[in-house]
N, C-alpha and C. Protein backbone atom coordinates (compact mmCIF):
# COMPACT_ATOMS: atom_id res chain seq x y z
N MET A 1 18.36 -31.25 -107.38
CA MET A 1 17.13 -30.84 -107.18
C MET A 1 16.03 -31.54 -106.95
N LEU A 2 16.06 -32.00 -108.29
CA LEU A 2 14.79 -32.91 -108.82
C LEU A 2 14.62 -34.12 -108.04
N GLY A 3 15.87 -34.91 -108.00
CA GLY A 3 15.62 -35.78 -107.10
C GLY A 3 15.01 -35.52 -105.41
N CYS A 4 15.63 -34.43 -105.13
CA CYS A 4 14.92 -33.87 -103.80
C CYS A 4 13.39 -34.31 -103.79
N VAL A 5 12.80 -33.50 -104.69
CA VAL A 5 11.61 -32.91 -104.86
C VAL A 5 10.81 -34.17 -105.06
N LEU A 6 11.07 -35.19 -106.09
CA LEU A 6 10.63 -36.68 -106.01
C LEU A 6 10.64 -37.14 -104.32
N TRP A 7 11.81 -37.21 -104.25
CA TRP A 7 11.80 -37.97 -102.75
C TRP A 7 10.56 -37.38 -101.84
N LEU A 8 10.48 -36.13 -101.69
CA LEU A 8 9.61 -35.36 -100.84
C LEU A 8 8.22 -35.83 -101.19
N TYR A 9 7.72 -35.84 -102.71
CA TYR A 9 6.62 -35.99 -102.98
C TYR A 9 6.31 -37.81 -102.62
N THR A 10 7.14 -38.52 -102.68
CA THR A 10 6.89 -39.72 -102.43
C THR A 10 6.91 -40.16 -101.21
N PHE A 11 7.65 -39.62 -100.10
CA PHE A 11 7.49 -39.30 -98.59
C PHE A 11 6.27 -38.89 -98.46
N ALA A 12 5.49 -37.33 -99.08
CA ALA A 12 4.14 -36.82 -98.46
C ALA A 12 3.12 -38.19 -98.96
N VAL A 13 3.12 -38.61 -99.96
CA VAL A 13 2.37 -39.64 -100.67
C VAL A 13 1.97 -40.84 -99.69
N LYS A 14 3.30 -41.25 -99.36
CA LYS A 14 3.02 -42.40 -98.52
C LYS A 14 2.65 -41.99 -97.01
N ASP A 15 2.98 -40.86 -96.23
CA ASP A 15 2.80 -40.26 -95.23
C ASP A 15 1.00 -40.25 -95.40
N TYR A 16 0.32 -39.54 -96.37
CA TYR A 16 -0.89 -39.63 -96.43
C TYR A 16 -1.65 -41.01 -96.50
N LYS A 17 -1.36 -41.70 -97.25
CA LYS A 17 -1.68 -43.45 -97.16
C LYS A 17 -1.59 -43.49 -95.49
N VAL A 18 -0.32 -44.01 -94.87
CA VAL A 18 -0.62 -44.08 -93.49
C VAL A 18 -1.35 -43.43 -92.84
N ARG A 19 -1.44 -41.70 -93.02
CA ARG A 19 -2.40 -41.44 -92.16
C ARG A 19 -3.95 -41.75 -92.31
N ALA A 20 -4.11 -42.03 -93.59
CA ALA A 20 -5.52 -42.13 -94.00
C ALA A 20 -6.36 -43.70 -93.58
N ARG A 21 -5.17 -44.73 -93.32
CA ARG A 21 -5.32 -46.16 -92.99
C ARG A 21 -5.40 -46.04 -91.22
N TYR A 22 -4.88 -44.82 -90.98
CA TYR A 22 -4.93 -45.02 -89.02
C TYR A 22 -6.14 -44.31 -88.77
N LYS A 23 -6.46 -43.13 -89.83
CA LYS A 23 -7.97 -42.64 -89.68
C LYS A 23 -8.95 -43.72 -89.95
N HIS A 24 -8.79 -44.41 -90.61
CA HIS A 24 -9.91 -45.29 -90.84
C HIS A 24 -9.91 -46.12 -89.72
N SER A 25 -8.52 -46.71 -88.98
CA SER A 25 -8.82 -47.54 -87.98
C SER A 25 -9.48 -46.88 -86.48
N GLU A 26 -9.45 -45.50 -86.83
CA GLU A 26 -10.26 -44.82 -85.33
C GLU A 26 -11.55 -45.02 -85.49
N THR A 27 -12.04 -45.28 -86.52
CA THR A 27 -13.32 -45.43 -86.68
C THR A 27 -13.81 -46.84 -87.06
N ASN A 28 -13.01 -47.83 -86.18
CA ASN A 28 -13.16 -49.20 -86.66
C ASN A 28 -14.82 -49.54 -86.02
N MET A 29 -14.92 -50.85 -86.74
CA MET A 29 -16.50 -51.39 -86.30
C MET A 29 -16.48 -51.95 -85.33
N ALA A 30 -15.89 -52.60 -84.59
CA ALA A 30 -15.78 -53.20 -83.39
C ALA A 30 -16.36 -52.31 -82.07
N GLY A 31 -15.51 -51.10 -82.54
CA GLY A 31 -15.73 -49.57 -81.45
C GLY A 31 -17.20 -49.12 -81.56
N HIS A 32 -17.43 -49.86 -82.59
CA HIS A 32 -18.93 -49.15 -82.82
C HIS A 32 -19.25 -47.78 -83.55
N ASN A 33 -18.18 -47.10 -83.61
CA ASN A 33 -18.28 -45.80 -84.12
C ASN A 33 -18.99 -45.44 -85.80
N ILE A 34 -19.41 -46.98 -86.00
CA ILE A 34 -20.08 -47.39 -87.15
C ILE A 34 -21.39 -48.16 -86.75
N PRO A 35 -22.58 -47.53 -87.10
CA PRO A 35 -23.72 -48.21 -86.54
C PRO A 35 -24.08 -49.28 -87.05
N HIS A 36 -24.37 -50.32 -86.02
CA HIS A 36 -24.76 -51.60 -86.21
C HIS A 36 -26.33 -51.88 -86.40
N PHE A 37 -26.66 -52.76 -87.20
CA PHE A 37 -28.51 -52.84 -87.04
C PHE A 37 -28.52 -54.30 -87.43
N GLN A 38 -29.71 -54.76 -86.44
CA GLN A 38 -29.81 -56.14 -86.33
C GLN A 38 -31.18 -56.21 -86.77
N ASN A 39 -31.83 -57.36 -87.44
CA ASN A 39 -33.36 -57.35 -87.74
C ASN A 39 -34.08 -58.58 -86.65
N ASP A 40 -34.15 -58.53 -85.56
CA ASP A 40 -34.54 -59.54 -84.54
C ASP A 40 -36.23 -59.75 -85.13
N GLY A 41 -37.18 -58.63 -85.46
CA GLY A 41 -38.53 -58.64 -85.63
C GLY A 41 -38.61 -59.38 -87.28
N GLY A 42 -37.62 -59.53 -88.11
CA GLY A 42 -37.77 -60.02 -89.42
C GLY A 42 -38.83 -59.47 -90.38
N HIS A 43 -37.88 -58.04 -90.32
CA HIS A 43 -38.63 -57.13 -91.11
C HIS A 43 -38.22 -57.11 -92.50
N ARG A 44 -39.03 -57.10 -93.40
CA ARG A 44 -38.38 -57.08 -94.94
C ARG A 44 -37.64 -55.87 -94.96
N VAL A 45 -38.11 -54.52 -94.42
CA VAL A 45 -37.60 -53.34 -94.74
C VAL A 45 -37.11 -52.59 -93.39
N ILE A 46 -35.79 -51.98 -93.57
CA ILE A 46 -35.46 -51.17 -92.18
C ILE A 46 -35.00 -49.91 -92.96
N GLU A 47 -35.67 -48.96 -92.23
CA GLU A 47 -35.27 -47.58 -92.53
C GLU A 47 -34.22 -47.13 -91.57
N VAL A 48 -32.93 -46.75 -92.34
CA VAL A 48 -31.64 -45.78 -91.38
C VAL A 48 -31.33 -44.80 -91.96
N GLY A 49 -30.72 -43.95 -91.09
CA GLY A 49 -30.45 -42.50 -91.33
C GLY A 49 -28.83 -42.46 -91.65
N VAL A 50 -28.22 -43.71 -91.79
CA VAL A 50 -26.94 -43.59 -92.25
C VAL A 50 -26.92 -44.37 -93.46
N LYS A 51 -25.73 -43.93 -94.36
CA LYS A 51 -25.37 -45.14 -95.52
C LYS A 51 -24.03 -46.03 -95.28
N GLU A 52 -23.69 -45.69 -94.13
CA GLU A 52 -22.38 -46.84 -94.06
C GLU A 52 -22.86 -47.47 -92.59
N PHE A 53 -22.91 -48.56 -92.71
CA PHE A 53 -23.64 -49.20 -91.48
C PHE A 53 -23.02 -50.95 -91.47
N MET A 54 -23.18 -51.65 -90.38
CA MET A 54 -23.00 -52.37 -90.08
C MET A 54 -24.42 -53.61 -90.06
N CYS A 55 -24.44 -55.06 -90.54
CA CYS A 55 -25.49 -55.50 -90.01
C CYS A 55 -25.33 -56.72 -89.63
N THR A 56 -26.11 -57.22 -88.61
CA THR A 56 -25.33 -58.55 -87.80
C THR A 56 -26.62 -59.32 -87.88
N GLY A 57 -27.31 -59.19 -88.72
CA GLY A 57 -28.71 -60.36 -88.68
C GLY A 57 -29.89 -60.16 -87.70
N ALA A 58 -29.46 -61.33 -86.80
CA ALA A 58 -30.03 -61.17 -85.42
C ALA A 58 -29.47 -61.00 -84.14
N SER A 59 -29.73 -60.89 -83.26
CA SER A 59 -29.16 -60.91 -81.67
C SER A 59 -28.31 -62.31 -81.66
N VAL A 60 -27.56 -62.32 -81.09
CA VAL A 60 -26.55 -63.80 -80.84
C VAL A 60 -27.50 -64.71 -80.09
N PRO A 61 -27.76 -66.28 -80.33
CA PRO A 61 -27.09 -66.61 -81.11
C PRO A 61 -27.43 -66.81 -82.76
N PHE A 62 -28.21 -66.04 -82.95
CA PHE A 62 -29.14 -65.96 -84.50
C PHE A 62 -28.37 -65.03 -85.45
N ASP A 63 -27.28 -64.62 -85.34
CA ASP A 63 -26.95 -63.72 -85.90
C ASP A 63 -25.53 -64.15 -87.05
N HIS A 64 -25.61 -63.27 -88.06
CA HIS A 64 -24.93 -63.82 -89.37
C HIS A 64 -23.15 -62.87 -89.04
N PRO A 65 -22.28 -63.55 -89.57
CA PRO A 65 -21.21 -62.53 -89.84
C PRO A 65 -21.65 -61.08 -89.98
N HIS A 66 -21.09 -59.97 -89.16
CA HIS A 66 -21.46 -58.67 -88.73
C HIS A 66 -20.50 -58.12 -90.30
N ILE A 67 -21.41 -57.73 -91.44
CA ILE A 67 -21.00 -57.13 -92.74
C ILE A 67 -21.12 -55.81 -92.66
N PHE A 68 -20.14 -54.78 -93.34
CA PHE A 68 -20.13 -53.59 -93.38
C PHE A 68 -20.78 -53.47 -94.75
N ILE A 69 -21.86 -52.34 -95.10
CA ILE A 69 -22.90 -52.20 -95.95
C ILE A 69 -22.59 -50.76 -96.24
N ASP A 70 -22.22 -50.56 -97.60
CA ASP A 70 -22.15 -49.02 -98.00
C ASP A 70 -23.22 -48.74 -99.09
N MET A 71 -24.10 -47.85 -98.81
CA MET A 71 -24.98 -47.62 -100.04
C MET A 71 -24.71 -46.86 -101.06
N GLY A 72 -23.54 -45.79 -100.98
CA GLY A 72 -23.02 -45.26 -101.99
C GLY A 72 -23.79 -44.41 -102.17
N ASP A 73 -24.02 -44.31 -103.86
CA ASP A 73 -25.21 -43.10 -103.92
C ASP A 73 -26.45 -43.50 -104.34
N GLU A 74 -26.56 -44.98 -103.76
CA GLU A 74 -28.14 -45.28 -104.02
C GLU A 74 -28.69 -45.20 -102.47
N ASN A 75 -29.89 -45.49 -102.25
CA ASN A 75 -30.86 -45.34 -101.15
C ASN A 75 -31.40 -46.64 -100.61
N GLU A 76 -30.87 -47.63 -101.11
CA GLU A 76 -31.27 -48.87 -100.93
C GLU A 76 -30.14 -49.87 -101.14
N LYS A 77 -29.78 -50.80 -100.12
CA LYS A 77 -28.85 -52.01 -99.99
C LYS A 77 -29.47 -53.15 -99.32
N VAL A 78 -29.58 -54.10 -100.34
CA VAL A 78 -30.02 -55.15 -99.47
C VAL A 78 -28.83 -56.50 -98.98
N CYS A 79 -28.79 -56.46 -97.67
CA CYS A 79 -27.81 -57.96 -96.73
C CYS A 79 -27.57 -58.74 -97.69
N SER A 80 -26.67 -59.22 -98.05
CA SER A 80 -26.17 -60.54 -98.52
C SER A 80 -26.29 -61.51 -97.52
N TYR A 81 -26.57 -61.35 -96.18
CA TYR A 81 -26.57 -62.99 -95.64
C TYR A 81 -28.16 -62.83 -95.47
N CYS A 82 -28.69 -61.80 -94.62
CA CYS A 82 -30.02 -62.40 -94.19
C CYS A 82 -31.39 -61.46 -95.11
N SER A 83 -30.60 -60.71 -96.44
CA SER A 83 -31.66 -60.27 -97.44
C SER A 83 -32.62 -59.34 -96.87
N THR A 84 -32.11 -58.73 -95.58
CA THR A 84 -32.99 -57.33 -94.79
C THR A 84 -32.70 -56.11 -96.33
N LEU A 85 -33.67 -55.43 -96.63
CA LEU A 85 -33.55 -54.35 -97.69
C LEU A 85 -33.56 -53.13 -96.40
N TYR A 86 -32.21 -52.39 -96.25
CA TYR A 86 -32.16 -51.52 -95.63
C TYR A 86 -32.15 -49.82 -97.05
N ARG A 87 -32.91 -48.92 -96.06
CA ARG A 87 -33.62 -48.33 -96.96
C ARG A 87 -32.81 -46.71 -96.41
N PHE A 88 -32.47 -45.62 -96.66
CA PHE A 88 -31.76 -44.50 -95.95
C PHE A 88 -33.14 -43.60 -96.12
N ASN A 89 -32.94 -43.13 -94.81
CA ASN A 89 -33.98 -42.18 -94.21
C ASN A 89 -33.20 -40.88 -93.97
N GLY A 90 -33.24 -39.95 -94.33
CA GLY A 90 -32.50 -38.73 -94.07
C GLY A 90 -33.04 -38.03 -92.90
N ALA A 91 -34.02 -38.56 -92.45
CA ALA A 91 -34.82 -37.91 -91.22
C ALA A 91 -34.45 -38.31 -90.18
N LEU A 92 -33.83 -39.63 -90.06
CA LEU A 92 -33.57 -40.22 -88.91
C LEU A 92 -32.15 -40.07 -88.77
N LYS A 93 -31.84 -40.33 -87.50
CA LYS A 93 -30.37 -40.14 -86.99
C LYS A 93 -29.34 -41.34 -87.03
N ALA A 94 -28.19 -41.51 -87.14
CA ALA A 94 -27.26 -42.45 -87.00
C ALA A 94 -27.54 -43.49 -86.25
N ASN A 95 -28.65 -43.12 -84.71
CA ASN A 95 -29.19 -43.99 -83.89
C ASN A 95 -30.50 -44.54 -83.79
N GLN A 96 -31.21 -44.25 -85.05
CA GLN A 96 -32.72 -44.42 -85.02
C GLN A 96 -32.85 -45.31 -86.05
N THR A 97 -33.75 -45.97 -86.16
CA THR A 97 -34.16 -46.99 -87.26
C THR A 97 -35.65 -46.81 -87.47
N ASN A 98 -36.64 -47.22 -88.67
CA ASN A 98 -38.01 -47.28 -88.86
C ASN A 98 -38.07 -48.46 -89.29
N PRO A 99 -38.76 -49.55 -88.78
CA PRO A 99 -39.55 -49.78 -87.38
C PRO A 99 -38.54 -49.55 -86.32
N ALA A 100 -38.82 -48.97 -85.39
CA ALA A 100 -38.15 -48.94 -83.90
C ALA A 100 -37.24 -50.31 -83.05
N GLY A 101 -36.00 -49.90 -82.73
CA GLY A 101 -35.64 -51.37 -81.93
C GLY A 101 -34.56 -52.01 -83.11
N CYS A 102 -34.23 -51.23 -84.14
CA CYS A 102 -33.32 -52.45 -84.88
C CYS A 102 -31.72 -52.09 -84.90
N VAL A 103 -31.18 -51.07 -83.62
CA VAL A 103 -29.86 -50.86 -83.46
C VAL A 103 -29.26 -51.96 -82.75
N PHE A 104 -28.52 -52.19 -83.11
CA PHE A 104 -27.71 -53.31 -82.07
C PHE A 104 -26.79 -52.81 -81.17
N HIS A 105 -26.66 -53.49 -80.03
CA HIS A 105 -26.23 -52.85 -78.70
C HIS A 105 -25.35 -54.39 -78.19
N VAL A 106 -24.46 -53.87 -78.08
CA VAL A 106 -23.52 -54.71 -77.18
C VAL A 106 -23.92 -55.24 -75.68
N LYS A 107 -24.48 -56.40 -75.49
CA LYS A 107 -24.59 -56.94 -74.04
C LYS A 107 -23.27 -57.02 -73.43
N ALA A 108 -23.70 -56.18 -72.25
CA ALA A 108 -22.26 -56.41 -71.03
C ALA A 108 -22.45 -57.98 -70.37
N ALA A 109 -20.92 -58.30 -70.62
CA ALA A 109 -21.09 -60.05 -70.01
C ALA A 109 -21.14 -60.12 -68.58
């Protein structure tokens, strides 16, 4: 009986991990479910309405590797590539920045 319970527990934990990994893939960064921001204007600070996002640097061909930034409990984070300071502003929506125009959009080919 104990063996059956342990097996079920092990199965449930593995199933949870698989589902968690699958759920994360649904919000993949390439699909832009996570906001992407750019700094074509060379701004020192960009305010954003989210704490998890991607920094692309600038528009192609002046971009840097698109990196995931997570502010966690902080309200500011510096991009390690372009040194842009991102500051959380709860009054902004996920697709808004201050100054305006820093949301990255994929250009159709």
